Amino acid sequence: MSTVNHAADVNSWDAGPVSIAPPRMSEDQFEAWILASEGLHAEWVNGVVHMMPPVSLEHTDINGWLIRLMGDFIEGKNLGGMVAFDYMIRLCGGKTRRVPDIIYVAAARRSLMQRTYLEGPPDLAVEIVSHDSQSRDWREKYLEYEVSGVREYWIVDPFSQRTEANALGADGKYARIGEVDGKLPSTVLPGFYLRNEWLWSNPRPTVRSLLAELGIV
């Protein structure tokens, strides 16, 4: 992710459908700009716009597979809502707008879901690591999601072929979720787990077969 630093006068900027953002903008300006700029992917952190380059085929493939698996599990258990594809989360009292690859919001918190963003932390966020996002996903977002109160943070890393899950403790700090019999269980989705080898098998197990193992079909 590269920070946009093109020379521009933020005071004279308008929200027309442009692809170049000023170096800094307010939260309202950012929302207007991103909604007017169809096809652009960006996050907003402390007034600075960070452009997100197109993802790889592998990233898209993993994301789609996880969306189907987690989405069908959540729906089957009636646990709440799952959102992907550029839906923003508003964190740190409005200082940050992030776009996780997948978010889960528990049924009791669905009222926090606005038309274009979630007001506050999701119960679970998933980030799939890309070439440009390794330090962002493993470090920046880890710390930001932790302090913002994201109850569970999963990092799926195709480069090391590993999956890490972190659960927020009573002290407000993340602790690694350990595997149990080869399963990486969720603490906020009762009954849901991943086996790391599922993600890196070629071909991957079918979603239907895994939903059967998870007790959904």
Protein backbone atom coordinates (compact mmCIF):
# COMPACT_ATOMS: atom_id res chain seq x y z
CA MET A 1 0.00 0.00 0.00
CA SER A 2 1.48 3.34 -1.00
CA THR A 3 0.52 6.68 0.51
CA VAL A 4 -0.95 9.15 -1.96
CA ASN A 5 1.22 12.27 -1.89
CA HIS A 6 0.34 14.04 -5.11
CA ALA A 7 0.51 17.81 -4.83
CA ALA A 8 -2.99 19.23 -4.44
CA ASP A 9 -4.81 21.92 -2.51
CA VAL A 10 -7.23 20.19 -0.20
CA ASN A 11 -9.11 23.45 0.37
CA SER A 12 -10.06 23.70 -3.32
CA TRP A 13 -10.68 19.99 -3.84
CA ASP A 14 -14.16 18.75 -4.70
CA ALA A 15 -15.62 15.24 -4.61
CA GLY A 16 -15.81 14.72 -8.36
CA PRO A 17 -14.98 11.31 -9.85
CA VAL A 18 -11.19 11.65 -9.85
CA SER A 19 -8.54 8.98 -9.37
CA ILE A 20 -5.96 11.19 -7.64
CA ALA A 21 -6.60 12.22 -4.06
CA PRO A 22 -5.00 15.16 -2.26
CA PRO A 23 -2.25 14.25 0.23
CA ARG A 24 -4.60 14.84 3.15
CA MET A 25 -8.36 15.08 3.46
CA SER A 26 -11.05 15.01 6.11
CA GLU A 27 -13.09 11.91 6.81
CA ASP A 28 -16.14 13.38 5.06
CA GLN A 29 -14.03 14.28 2.03
CA PHE A 30 -12.56 10.80 1.91
CA GLU A 31 -15.97 9.14 1.99
CA ALA A 32 -17.27 11.41 -0.76
CA TRP A 33 -14.15 10.85 -2.87
CA ILE A 34 -14.10 7.06 -2.57
CA LEU A 35 -17.82 6.81 -3.36
CA ALA A 36 -17.40 9.05 -6.41
CA SER A 37 -14.29 7.25 -7.67
CA GLU A 38 -15.74 3.96 -8.89
CA GLY A 39 -13.31 1.07 -8.97
CA LEU A 40 -10.71 2.60 -6.64
CA HIS A 41 -9.66 0.83 -3.46
CA ALA A 42 -8.25 2.90 -0.62
CA GLU A 43 -8.02 3.24 3.15
CA TRP A 44 -7.85 6.42 5.23
CA VAL A 45 -5.56 6.68 8.26
CA ASN A 46 -5.21 9.85 10.34
CA GLY A 47 -6.17 12.04 7.42
CA VAL A 48 -3.89 10.35 4.86
CA VAL A 49 -5.21 8.34 1.91
CA HIS A 50 -3.52 4.99 1.21
CA MET A 51 -4.18 3.50 -2.20
CA MET A 52 -4.55 -0.27 -2.44
CA PRO A 53 -3.26 -1.88 -5.65
CA PRO A 54 -5.19 -4.67 -7.42
CA VAL A 55 -4.93 -8.04 -5.69
CA SER A 56 -3.47 -11.18 -7.23
CA LEU A 57 -5.43 -14.13 -8.58
CA GLU A 58 -4.28 -16.21 -5.59
CA HIS A 59 -5.55 -13.56 -3.17
CA THR A 60 -8.92 -13.43 -4.93
CA ASP A 61 -9.17 -17.22 -4.98
CA ILE A 62 -8.46 -17.59 -1.24
CA ASN A 63 -10.79 -14.74 -0.40
CA GLY A 64 -13.68 -16.16 -2.41
CA TRP A 65 -13.23 -19.62 -0.88
CA LEU A 66 -13.18 -18.22 2.67
CA ILE A 67 -16.20 -16.01 2.00
CA ARG A 68 -18.24 -19.01 0.91
CA LEU A 69 -17.08 -21.21 3.79
CA MET A 70 -17.44 -18.65 6.57
CA GLY A 71 -20.54 -17.03 5.09
CA ASP A 72 -22.44 -20.31 4.77
CA PHE A 73 -21.38 -21.31 8.31
CA ILE A 74 -22.54 -17.98 9.77
CA GLU A 75 -25.82 -18.16 7.87
CA GLY A 76 -26.36 -21.81 8.81
CA LYS A 77 -25.86 -21.03 12.50
CA ASN A 78 -27.74 -17.68 12.32
CA LEU A 79 -24.81 -15.94 13.98
CA GLY A 80 -25.02 -12.50 12.39
CA GLY A 81 -23.59 -10.93 9.25
CA MET A 82 -20.43 -11.27 7.16
CA VAL A 83 -19.26 -8.59 4.72
CA ALA A 84 -16.44 -8.41 2.19
CA PHE A 85 -15.50 -6.45 -0.93
CA ASP A 86 -14.56 -2.90 0.14
CA TYR A 87 -16.94 -2.43 3.06
CA MET A 88 -15.11 -0.10 5.45
CA ILE A 89 -14.77 -0.22 9.20
CA ARG A 90 -14.54 3.06 11.14
CA LEU A 91 -12.07 2.78 14.01
CA CYS A 92 -10.29 4.91 16.62
CA GLY A 93 -13.16 7.35 17.02
CA GLY A 94 -13.24 8.25 13.36
CA LYS A 95 -9.48 8.55 12.80
CA THR A 96 -9.27 5.49 10.58
CA ARG A 97 -11.25 3.82 7.79
CA ARG A 98 -9.92 0.32 7.05
CA VAL A 99 -11.09 -2.27 4.52
CA PRO A 100 -10.45 -5.82 5.78
CA ASP A 101 -10.81 -8.68 3.32
CA ILE A 102 -13.62 -10.19 5.42
CA ILE A 103 -15.46 -9.01 8.53
CA TYR A 104 -17.98 -10.71 10.78
CA VAL A 105 -20.45 -8.78 12.94
CA ALA A 106 -22.43 -10.62 15.62
CA ALA A 107 -26.21 -10.50 15.38
CA ALA A 108 -26.50 -8.32 18.50
CA ARG A 109 -24.30 -5.65 16.87
CA ARG A 110 -25.89 -5.52 13.41
CA SER A 111 -27.30 -2.06 14.17
CA LEU A 112 -23.75 -0.68 13.90
CA MET A 113 -23.63 -1.53 10.19
CA GLN A 114 -24.19 1.66 8.22
CA ARG A 115 -24.71 1.83 4.45
CA THR A 116 -21.03 2.23 3.58
CA TYR A 117 -19.18 1.36 6.80
CA LEU A 118 -19.30 -0.37 10.16
CA GLU A 119 -19.32 2.06 13.08
CA GLY A 120 -16.70 0.50 15.34
CA PRO A 121 -14.77 -2.77 15.37
CA PRO A 122 -16.11 -5.98 13.84
CA ASP A 123 -16.18 -9.08 16.00
CA LEU A 124 -13.79 -10.79 13.59
CA ALA A 125 -11.55 -9.45 10.82
CA VAL A 126 -9.65 -11.48 8.22
CA GLU A 127 -6.72 -10.11 6.22
CA ILE A 128 -5.08 -12.01 3.37
CA VAL A 129 -1.46 -10.92 3.01
CA SER A 130 -0.37 -9.43 -0.33
CA HIS A 131 3.10 -8.42 -1.52
CA ASP A 132 2.47 -4.80 -0.55
CA SER A 133 0.64 -5.51 2.72
CA GLN A 134 2.98 -7.74 4.72
CA SER A 135 4.07 -5.13 7.29
CA ARG A 136 0.61 -3.56 7.26
CA ASP A 137 -1.25 -6.80 8.01
CA TRP A 138 1.27 -8.34 10.41
CA ARG A 139 2.12 -5.17 12.31
CA GLU A 140 0.07 -2.01 11.65
CA LYS A 141 -3.37 -3.58 11.49
CA TYR A 142 -2.54 -6.05 14.26
CA LEU A 143 -1.88 -3.15 16.66
CA GLU A 144 -4.74 -1.03 15.34
CA TYR A 145 -7.30 -3.83 15.53
CA GLU A 146 -6.08 -4.74 18.99
CA VAL A 147 -6.44 -1.23 20.43
CA SER A 148 -9.78 -0.75 18.63
CA GLY A 149 -11.29 -3.86 20.20
CA VAL A 150 -11.60 -6.25 17.24
CA ARG A 151 -12.33 -9.42 19.20
CA GLU A 152 -10.60 -11.78 16.79
CA TYR A 153 -8.05 -11.14 14.02
CA TRP A 154 -7.09 -13.79 11.47
CA ILE A 155 -4.10 -13.37 9.14
CA VAL A 156 -3.87 -15.67 6.11
CA ASP A 157 -0.38 -15.55 4.60
CA PRO A 158 0.07 -17.24 1.19
CA PHE A 159 3.83 -16.54 1.23
CA SER A 160 4.54 -18.60 4.35
CA GLN A 161 1.43 -20.76 3.84
CA ARG A 162 0.29 -20.26 7.39
CA THR A 163 -2.76 -18.92 9.14
CA GLU A 164 -2.61 -17.09 12.44
CA ALA A 165 -5.63 -16.34 14.64
CA ASN A 166 -5.54 -13.90 17.54
CA ALA A 167 -8.17 -13.43 20.24
CA LEU A 168 -8.55 -10.32 22.38
CA GLY A 169 -8.03 -11.06 26.06
CA ALA A 170 -9.48 -9.38 29.14
CA ASP A 171 -6.33 -7.23 29.28
CA GLY A 172 -7.11 -5.78 25.84
CA LYS A 173 -4.17 -7.58 24.23
CA TYR A 174 -4.15 -10.22 21.51
CA ALA A 175 -3.12 -13.78 22.31
CA ARG A 176 -2.47 -16.43 19.70
CA ILE A 177 -5.16 -19.08 19.33
CA GLY A 178 -3.47 -22.45 19.39
CA GLU A 179 -4.36 -25.43 17.24
CA VAL A 180 -6.33 -28.26 18.80
CA ASP A 181 -5.95 -31.60 17.00
CA GLY A 182 -4.86 -29.76 13.87
CA LYS A 183 -7.84 -27.38 14.05
CA LEU A 184 -7.58 -23.61 14.47
CA PRO A 185 -10.82 -22.76 16.30
CA SER A 186 -12.61 -19.43 16.42
CA THR A 187 -13.52 -17.95 19.79
CA VAL A 188 -16.32 -15.77 18.39
CA LEU A 189 -17.86 -18.23 15.89
CA PRO A 190 -18.85 -21.22 18.04
CA GLY A 191 -18.06 -24.46 16.23
CA PHE A 192 -16.06 -22.89 13.40
CA TYR A 193 -12.46 -23.86 12.72
CA LEU A 194 -9.93 -24.05 9.91
CA ARG A 195 -7.26 -26.59 9.22
CA ASN A 196 -4.22 -24.83 7.78
CA GLU A 197 -3.74 -27.47 5.09
CA TRP A 198 -7.22 -26.77 3.69
CA LEU A 199 -6.03 -23.41 2.41
CA TRP A 200 -2.90 -24.69 0.68
CA SER A 201 -4.14 -27.98 -0.77
CA ASN A 202 -4.35 -28.19 -4.55
CA PRO A 203 -7.20 -28.50 -5.12
CA ARG A 204 -8.72 -27.24 -1.90
CA PRO A 205 -11.46 -29.28 -0.28
CA THR A 206 -14.90 -28.30 -1.51
CA VAL A 207 -16.84 -25.88 0.64
CA ARG A 208 -19.74 -28.34 0.76
CA SER A 209 -17.55 -31.12 2.18
CA LEU A 210 -16.16 -28.82 4.86
CA LEU A 211 -19.57 -27.52 5.82
CA ALA A 212 -20.57 -31.13 6.37
CA GLU A 213 -17.56 -31.58 8.67
CA LEU A 214 -18.53 -28.37 10.50
CA GLY A 215 -22.07 -29.68 10.98
CA ILE A 216 -23.91 -27.34 8.60
CA VAL A 217 -25.00 -29.67 5.77
